[in-house]
Amino acid sequence: MGAGNRRALGCILCTESTLMKKYMLTFFGGNMSLRYENLDAAHQEARKKHQAGWGKWMADLAKAKKLEVGYPLEANGKRIDQSGAEDYRFPATTEGGFIIINAESLEQAAEIAAAAPIIANGGHILVRPCAEMK
């Protein structure tokens, strides 16, 4: 049964999460000493506080069935184009991580993002709807 049919039936047979859309939240900036690749060198108390804040926020999202997946991103990777692949170090100005969440609307996804620890840490988040494959 397609999503349109479930909506037409008043969602009798589906769960709340079936009608939710996926959004990607990408994290930028914040206190650079607490960025993933710098955590080992961060002051122990600051690191614990940082990790506890992210742990609670992510656990709350998971408990509410809003969290799909997410990861911090490492600084070293590869750059690939038609001439081949080469080692690449991503600058500190690029995203430091991402998550995919379930939300009813872009506005709800933005509200979820506003509660992320990186906001209080001076960073920002880009919220982008994920399209369905055609």
N, C-alpha and C. Protein backbone atom coordinates (compact mmCIF):
# COMPACT_ATOMS: atom_id res chain seq x y z
N MET A 1 0.85 -1.18 0.00
CA MET A 1 0.00 0.00 0.00
C MET A 1 0.89 1.23 0.00
N GLY A 2 0.72 2.15 -0.93
CA GLY A 2 1.54 3.35 -1.03
C GLY A 2 1.19 4.36 0.04
N ALA A 3 2.09 5.33 0.25
CA ALA A 3 1.87 6.36 1.27
C ALA A 3 0.60 7.15 1.00
N GLY A 4 0.33 7.44 -0.27
CA GLY A 4 -0.89 8.18 -0.61
C GLY A 4 -2.13 7.42 -0.20
N ASN A 5 -2.13 6.08 -0.41
CA ASN A 5 -3.27 5.26 0.00
C ASN A 5 -3.44 5.24 1.50
N ARG A 6 -2.31 5.18 2.24
CA ARG A 6 -2.41 5.18 3.71
C ARG A 6 -3.02 6.48 4.18
N ARG A 7 -2.60 7.60 3.58
CA ARG A 7 -3.17 8.89 3.97
C ARG A 7 -4.66 8.94 3.65
N ALA A 8 -5.03 8.42 2.48
CA ALA A 8 -6.44 8.43 2.09
C ALA A 8 -7.29 7.59 3.04
N LEU A 9 -6.70 6.54 3.60
CA LEU A 9 -7.42 5.69 4.54
C LEU A 9 -7.38 6.24 5.97
N GLY A 10 -6.87 7.43 6.12
CA GLY A 10 -6.80 8.01 7.46
C GLY A 10 -5.74 7.35 8.30
N CYS A 11 -4.80 6.69 7.67
CA CYS A 11 -3.68 6.06 8.36
C CYS A 11 -4.13 5.03 9.38
N ILE A 12 -5.15 4.27 9.04
CA ILE A 12 -5.67 3.25 9.94
C ILE A 12 -4.63 2.18 10.25
N LEU A 13 -3.83 1.82 9.24
CA LEU A 13 -2.91 0.70 9.41
C LEU A 13 -1.46 1.10 9.61
N CYS A 14 -1.16 2.39 9.67
CA CYS A 14 0.24 2.78 9.73
C CYS A 14 0.59 3.38 11.09
N THR A 15 1.90 3.49 11.31
CA THR A 15 2.37 4.10 12.54
C THR A 15 2.64 5.57 12.30
N GLU A 16 2.82 6.31 13.35
CA GLU A 16 3.11 7.75 13.25
C GLU A 16 4.34 8.01 12.40
N SER A 17 5.38 7.20 12.56
CA SER A 17 6.63 7.45 11.85
C SER A 17 6.51 7.22 10.35
N THR A 18 5.49 6.48 9.90
CA THR A 18 5.33 6.22 8.48
C THR A 18 5.06 7.50 7.71
N LEU A 19 4.36 8.45 8.31
CA LEU A 19 4.03 9.68 7.62
C LEU A 19 5.09 10.76 7.80
N MET A 20 6.08 10.50 8.60
CA MET A 20 7.11 11.49 8.82
C MET A 20 8.10 11.50 7.67
N LYS A 21 8.66 12.65 7.44
CA LYS A 21 9.65 12.83 6.39
C LYS A 21 11.04 12.83 7.03
N LYS A 22 12.04 12.50 6.25
CA LYS A 22 13.42 12.50 6.75
C LYS A 22 14.08 13.84 6.43
N TYR A 23 14.88 14.30 7.39
CA TYR A 23 15.62 15.55 7.24
C TYR A 23 17.06 15.30 7.65
N MET A 24 17.99 15.93 6.92
CA MET A 24 19.39 15.84 7.28
C MET A 24 19.79 17.12 8.01
N LEU A 25 20.38 16.95 9.17
CA LEU A 25 20.92 18.06 9.93
C LEU A 25 22.44 17.97 9.83
N THR A 26 23.08 19.01 9.32
CA THR A 26 24.54 19.04 9.25
C THR A 26 25.04 20.10 10.21
N PHE A 27 26.08 19.76 10.94
CA PHE A 27 26.59 20.58 12.04
C PHE A 27 27.88 21.29 11.64
N PHE A 28 27.94 22.60 11.91
CA PHE A 28 29.08 23.43 11.55
C PHE A 28 29.54 24.24 12.76
N GLY A 29 30.84 24.48 12.83
CA GLY A 29 31.38 25.43 13.79
C GLY A 29 31.33 24.96 15.23
N GLY A 30 31.07 25.90 16.12
CA GLY A 30 31.09 25.60 17.54
C GLY A 30 32.51 25.74 18.08
N ASN A 31 32.70 25.29 19.29
CA ASN A 31 34.00 25.32 19.93
C ASN A 31 34.90 24.30 19.25
N MET A 32 35.86 24.76 18.48
CA MET A 32 36.70 23.86 17.68
C MET A 32 37.54 22.91 18.54
N SER A 33 37.80 23.26 19.79
CA SER A 33 38.56 22.35 20.65
C SER A 33 37.73 21.12 21.01
N LEU A 34 36.40 21.19 20.78
CA LEU A 34 35.53 20.06 21.07
C LEU A 34 35.06 19.35 19.80
N ARG A 35 35.63 19.72 18.68
CA ARG A 35 35.31 19.01 17.43
C ARG A 35 35.86 17.60 17.53
N TYR A 36 35.24 16.66 16.83
CA TYR A 36 35.55 15.24 16.94
C TYR A 36 37.04 14.94 16.93
N GLU A 37 37.77 15.49 15.95
CA GLU A 37 39.19 15.16 15.83
C GLU A 37 40.04 15.78 16.93
N ASN A 38 39.47 16.73 17.70
CA ASN A 38 40.21 17.39 18.77
C ASN A 38 39.81 16.93 20.17
N LEU A 39 38.84 16.04 20.27
CA LEU A 39 38.31 15.65 21.59
C LEU A 39 39.37 15.06 22.52
N ASP A 40 40.27 14.26 21.98
CA ASP A 40 41.28 13.62 22.83
C ASP A 40 42.18 14.65 23.53
N ALA A 41 42.37 15.81 22.89
CA ALA A 41 43.23 16.84 23.47
C ALA A 41 42.46 17.84 24.34
N ALA A 42 41.13 17.76 24.33
CA ALA A 42 40.30 18.70 25.09
C ALA A 42 40.44 18.46 26.59
N HIS A 43 40.23 19.50 27.37
CA HIS A 43 40.22 19.38 28.82
C HIS A 43 39.18 18.33 29.21
N GLN A 44 39.54 17.44 30.14
CA GLN A 44 38.69 16.30 30.49
C GLN A 44 37.28 16.72 30.91
N GLU A 45 37.15 17.75 31.74
CA GLU A 45 35.83 18.17 32.20
C GLU A 45 34.99 18.73 31.04
N ALA A 46 35.61 19.51 30.18
CA ALA A 46 34.91 20.07 29.02
C ALA A 46 34.48 18.95 28.08
N ARG A 47 35.36 17.96 27.89
CA ARG A 47 35.03 16.83 27.02
C ARG A 47 33.86 16.03 27.58
N LYS A 48 33.88 15.76 28.90
CA LYS A 48 32.78 15.01 29.52
C LYS A 48 31.45 15.75 29.40
N LYS A 49 31.47 17.04 29.65
CA LYS A 49 30.26 17.86 29.55
C LYS A 49 29.73 17.85 28.11
N HIS A 50 30.65 18.02 27.16
CA HIS A 50 30.30 18.02 25.74
C HIS A 50 29.67 16.68 25.33
N GLN A 51 30.33 15.59 25.68
CA GLN A 51 29.84 14.26 25.32
C GLN A 51 28.52 13.94 26.02
N ALA A 52 28.36 14.38 27.25
CA ALA A 52 27.10 14.13 27.97
C ALA A 52 25.95 14.89 27.31
N GLY A 53 26.20 16.13 26.90
CA GLY A 53 25.16 16.91 26.23
C GLY A 53 24.71 16.27 24.93
N TRP A 54 25.68 15.86 24.12
CA TRP A 54 25.33 15.20 22.86
C TRP A 54 24.67 13.85 23.12
N GLY A 55 25.17 13.11 24.09
CA GLY A 55 24.60 11.80 24.41
C GLY A 55 23.14 11.91 24.83
N LYS A 56 22.82 12.89 25.67
CA LYS A 56 21.44 13.07 26.12
C LYS A 56 20.55 13.49 24.96
N TRP A 57 21.01 14.46 24.16
CA TRP A 57 20.20 14.93 23.05
C TRP A 57 19.90 13.81 22.06
N MET A 58 20.93 13.04 21.72
CA MET A 58 20.75 11.93 20.78
C MET A 58 19.87 10.83 21.39
N ALA A 59 20.04 10.54 22.67
CA ALA A 59 19.21 9.53 23.33
C ALA A 59 17.75 9.97 23.36
N ASP A 60 17.51 11.25 23.62
CA ASP A 60 16.14 11.77 23.61
C ASP A 60 15.52 11.64 22.22
N LEU A 61 16.29 11.93 21.18
CA LEU A 61 15.79 11.77 19.81
C LEU A 61 15.46 10.31 19.51
N ALA A 62 16.34 9.41 19.92
CA ALA A 62 16.13 7.98 19.69
C ALA A 62 14.88 7.50 20.43
N LYS A 63 14.74 7.92 21.67
CA LYS A 63 13.58 7.51 22.48
C LYS A 63 12.27 8.00 21.84
N ALA A 64 12.30 9.18 21.25
CA ALA A 64 11.11 9.74 20.60
C ALA A 64 10.94 9.20 19.18
N LYS A 65 11.79 8.26 18.78
CA LYS A 65 11.77 7.67 17.44
C LYS A 65 11.94 8.72 16.34
N LYS A 66 12.77 9.72 16.64
CA LYS A 66 13.08 10.78 15.67
C LYS A 66 14.42 10.54 14.98
N LEU A 67 15.31 9.78 15.61
CA LEU A 67 16.66 9.60 15.10
C LEU A 67 16.74 8.39 14.18
N GLU A 68 17.24 8.60 12.96
CA GLU A 68 17.49 7.51 12.01
C GLU A 68 18.93 7.04 12.14
N VAL A 69 19.88 7.96 11.92
CA VAL A 69 21.31 7.64 11.94
C VAL A 69 22.07 8.95 12.06
N GLY A 70 23.30 8.87 12.50
CA GLY A 70 24.13 10.07 12.55
C GLY A 70 25.55 9.72 12.94
N TYR A 71 26.48 10.55 12.48
CA TYR A 71 27.88 10.32 12.77
C TYR A 71 28.66 11.63 12.80
N PRO A 72 29.68 11.71 13.65
CA PRO A 72 30.65 12.80 13.49
C PRO A 72 31.49 12.45 12.25
N LEU A 73 32.08 13.46 11.64
CA LEU A 73 32.89 13.22 10.45
C LEU A 73 34.36 13.48 10.75
N GLU A 74 35.22 12.62 10.27
CA GLU A 74 36.65 12.79 10.45
C GLU A 74 37.18 13.80 9.44
N ALA A 75 38.32 14.40 9.74
CA ALA A 75 38.87 15.46 8.90
C ALA A 75 39.56 14.95 7.64
N ASN A 76 40.07 13.72 7.66
CA ASN A 76 40.79 13.19 6.50
C ASN A 76 39.88 12.30 5.67
N GLY A 77 39.98 12.45 4.36
CA GLY A 77 39.18 11.66 3.44
C GLY A 77 39.83 11.61 2.08
N LYS A 78 39.02 11.49 1.07
CA LYS A 78 39.47 11.45 -0.32
C LYS A 78 38.65 12.44 -1.13
N ARG A 79 39.29 13.02 -2.13
CA ARG A 79 38.61 13.85 -3.13
C ARG A 79 38.67 13.09 -4.43
N ILE A 80 37.51 12.83 -5.03
CA ILE A 80 37.45 12.04 -6.24
C ILE A 80 36.84 12.87 -7.36
N ASP A 81 37.49 12.87 -8.51
CA ASP A 81 36.93 13.49 -9.71
C ASP A 81 37.34 12.62 -10.89
N GLN A 82 37.10 13.09 -12.10
CA GLN A 82 37.35 12.25 -13.27
C GLN A 82 38.83 11.95 -13.50
N SER A 83 39.72 12.68 -12.84
CA SER A 83 41.14 12.37 -12.98
C SER A 83 41.64 11.41 -11.91
N GLY A 84 40.78 11.01 -10.99
CA GLY A 84 41.17 10.03 -10.00
C GLY A 84 40.84 10.46 -8.58
N ALA A 85 41.50 9.80 -7.64
CA ALA A 85 41.28 10.06 -6.22
C ALA A 85 42.58 10.56 -5.60
N GLU A 86 42.43 11.48 -4.65
CA GLU A 86 43.60 11.98 -3.93
C GLU A 86 43.22 12.20 -2.47
N ASP A 87 44.21 12.09 -1.60
CA ASP A 87 43.98 12.36 -0.19
C ASP A 87 43.48 13.79 -0.04
N TYR A 88 42.60 13.97 0.92
CA TYR A 88 42.01 15.30 1.11
C TYR A 88 41.79 15.55 2.60
N ARG A 89 42.20 16.69 3.06
CA ARG A 89 41.96 17.12 4.45
C ARG A 89 40.85 18.17 4.39
N PHE A 90 39.72 17.86 4.99
CA PHE A 90 38.60 18.78 4.99
C PHE A 90 38.90 19.95 5.92
N PRO A 91 38.65 21.18 5.48
CA PRO A 91 38.93 22.33 6.34
C PRO A 91 37.97 22.38 7.52
N ALA A 92 38.37 23.07 8.56
CA ALA A 92 37.55 23.18 9.77
C ALA A 92 36.22 23.89 9.50
N THR A 93 36.12 24.58 8.37
CA THR A 93 34.88 25.30 8.05
C THR A 93 33.82 24.39 7.45
N THR A 94 34.15 23.12 7.15
CA THR A 94 33.15 22.20 6.61
C THR A 94 32.39 21.55 7.75
N GLU A 95 31.36 20.80 7.39
CA GLU A 95 30.53 20.15 8.41
C GLU A 95 31.36 19.19 9.25
N GLY A 96 31.00 19.14 10.54
CA GLY A 96 31.71 18.26 11.47
C GLY A 96 30.95 16.99 11.77
N GLY A 97 29.71 16.91 11.28
CA GLY A 97 28.90 15.72 11.49
C GLY A 97 27.52 15.93 10.92
N PHE A 98 26.72 14.87 10.99
CA PHE A 98 25.36 14.94 10.48
C PHE A 98 24.49 13.92 11.20
N ILE A 99 23.20 14.14 11.15
CA ILE A 99 22.22 13.13 11.54
C ILE A 99 21.06 13.19 10.56
N ILE A 100 20.36 12.09 10.46
CA ILE A 100 19.11 12.03 9.71
C ILE A 100 18.01 11.82 10.75
N ILE A 101 17.00 12.69 10.71
CA ILE A 101 15.91 12.60 11.67
C ILE A 101 14.58 12.42 10.94
N ASN A 102 13.58 12.00 11.69
CA ASN A 102 12.20 11.95 11.22
C ASN A 102 11.46 13.12 11.86
N ALA A 103 10.75 13.86 11.04
CA ALA A 103 9.95 14.98 11.55
C ALA A 103 8.72 15.14 10.65
N GLU A 104 7.70 15.76 11.20
CA GLU A 104 6.46 15.97 10.45
C GLU A 104 6.58 17.09 9.43
N SER A 105 7.52 18.02 9.66
CA SER A 105 7.64 19.18 8.77
C SER A 105 9.05 19.77 8.91
N LEU A 106 9.38 20.64 7.98
CA LEU A 106 10.64 21.36 8.05
C LEU A 106 10.70 22.20 9.32
N GLU A 107 9.57 22.77 9.70
CA GLU A 107 9.52 23.58 10.92
C GLU A 107 9.81 22.73 12.15
N GLN A 108 9.25 21.52 12.22
CA GLN A 108 9.53 20.65 13.36
C GLN A 108 10.99 20.22 13.35
N ALA A 109 11.54 19.93 12.18
CA ALA A 109 12.95 19.56 12.09
C ALA A 109 13.84 20.71 12.59
N ALA A 110 13.46 21.95 12.25
CA ALA A 110 14.22 23.12 12.71
C ALA A 110 14.12 23.27 14.23
N GLU A 111 12.96 22.98 14.79
CA GLU A 111 12.81 23.03 16.26
C GLU A 111 13.70 21.99 16.93
N ILE A 112 13.75 20.80 16.36
CA ILE A 112 14.62 19.74 16.89
C ILE A 112 16.08 20.20 16.82
N ALA A 113 16.46 20.77 15.68
CA ALA A 113 17.84 21.24 15.49
C ALA A 113 18.20 22.33 16.50
N ALA A 114 17.26 23.21 16.80
CA ALA A 114 17.53 24.33 17.71
C ALA A 114 17.94 23.86 19.10
N ALA A 115 17.57 22.64 19.47
CA ALA A 115 17.90 22.11 20.78
C ALA A 115 19.24 21.38 20.81
N ALA A 116 19.92 21.29 19.68
CA ALA A 116 21.20 20.57 19.61
C ALA A 116 22.28 21.29 20.41
N PRO A 117 23.16 20.54 21.05
CA PRO A 117 24.22 21.15 21.86
C PRO A 117 25.13 22.10 21.09
N ILE A 118 25.29 21.91 19.81
CA ILE A 118 26.20 22.77 19.05
C ILE A 118 25.71 24.21 18.99
N ILE A 119 24.42 24.44 19.12
CA ILE A 119 23.87 25.79 19.09
C ILE A 119 24.39 26.59 20.29
N ALA A 120 24.30 26.00 21.48
CA ALA A 120 24.80 26.66 22.69
C ALA A 120 26.31 26.80 22.67
N ASN A 121 26.96 26.02 21.81
CA ASN A 121 28.41 26.00 21.70
C ASN A 121 28.91 26.96 20.61
N GLY A 122 28.00 27.78 20.06
CA GLY A 122 28.40 28.78 19.07
C GLY A 122 28.38 28.31 17.63
N GLY A 123 27.89 27.10 17.38
CA GLY A 123 27.84 26.58 16.01
C GLY A 123 26.50 26.82 15.36
N HIS A 124 26.34 26.27 14.18
CA HIS A 124 25.06 26.36 13.49
C HIS A 124 24.77 25.04 12.77
N ILE A 125 23.50 24.90 12.37
CA ILE A 125 23.03 23.67 11.73
C ILE A 125 22.28 24.04 10.47
N LEU A 126 22.51 23.28 9.42
CA LEU A 126 21.69 23.38 8.22
C LEU A 126 20.71 22.21 8.24
N VAL A 127 19.44 22.51 8.02
CA VAL A 127 18.38 21.49 8.01
C VAL A 127 17.89 21.38 6.58
N ARG A 128 17.91 20.16 6.07
CA ARG A 128 17.55 19.96 4.67
C ARG A 128 16.66 18.74 4.52
N PRO A 129 15.52 18.87 3.84
CA PRO A 129 14.66 17.70 3.60
C PRO A 129 15.37 16.69 2.70
N CYS A 130 15.17 15.41 2.98
CA CYS A 130 15.66 14.35 2.13
C CYS A 130 14.57 14.00 1.13
N ALA A 131 14.91 13.95 -0.13
CA ALA A 131 13.94 13.59 -1.17
C ALA A 131 13.81 12.08 -1.23
N GLU A 132 12.67 11.63 -1.71
CA GLU A 132 12.48 10.20 -1.92
C GLU A 132 13.02 9.85 -3.29
N MET A 133 13.56 8.65 -3.42
CA MET A 133 14.08 8.19 -4.71
C MET A 133 12.91 8.00 -5.67
N LYS A 134 13.11 8.42 -6.91
CA LYS A 134 12.05 8.26 -7.94
C LYS A 134 12.39 7.10 -8.82
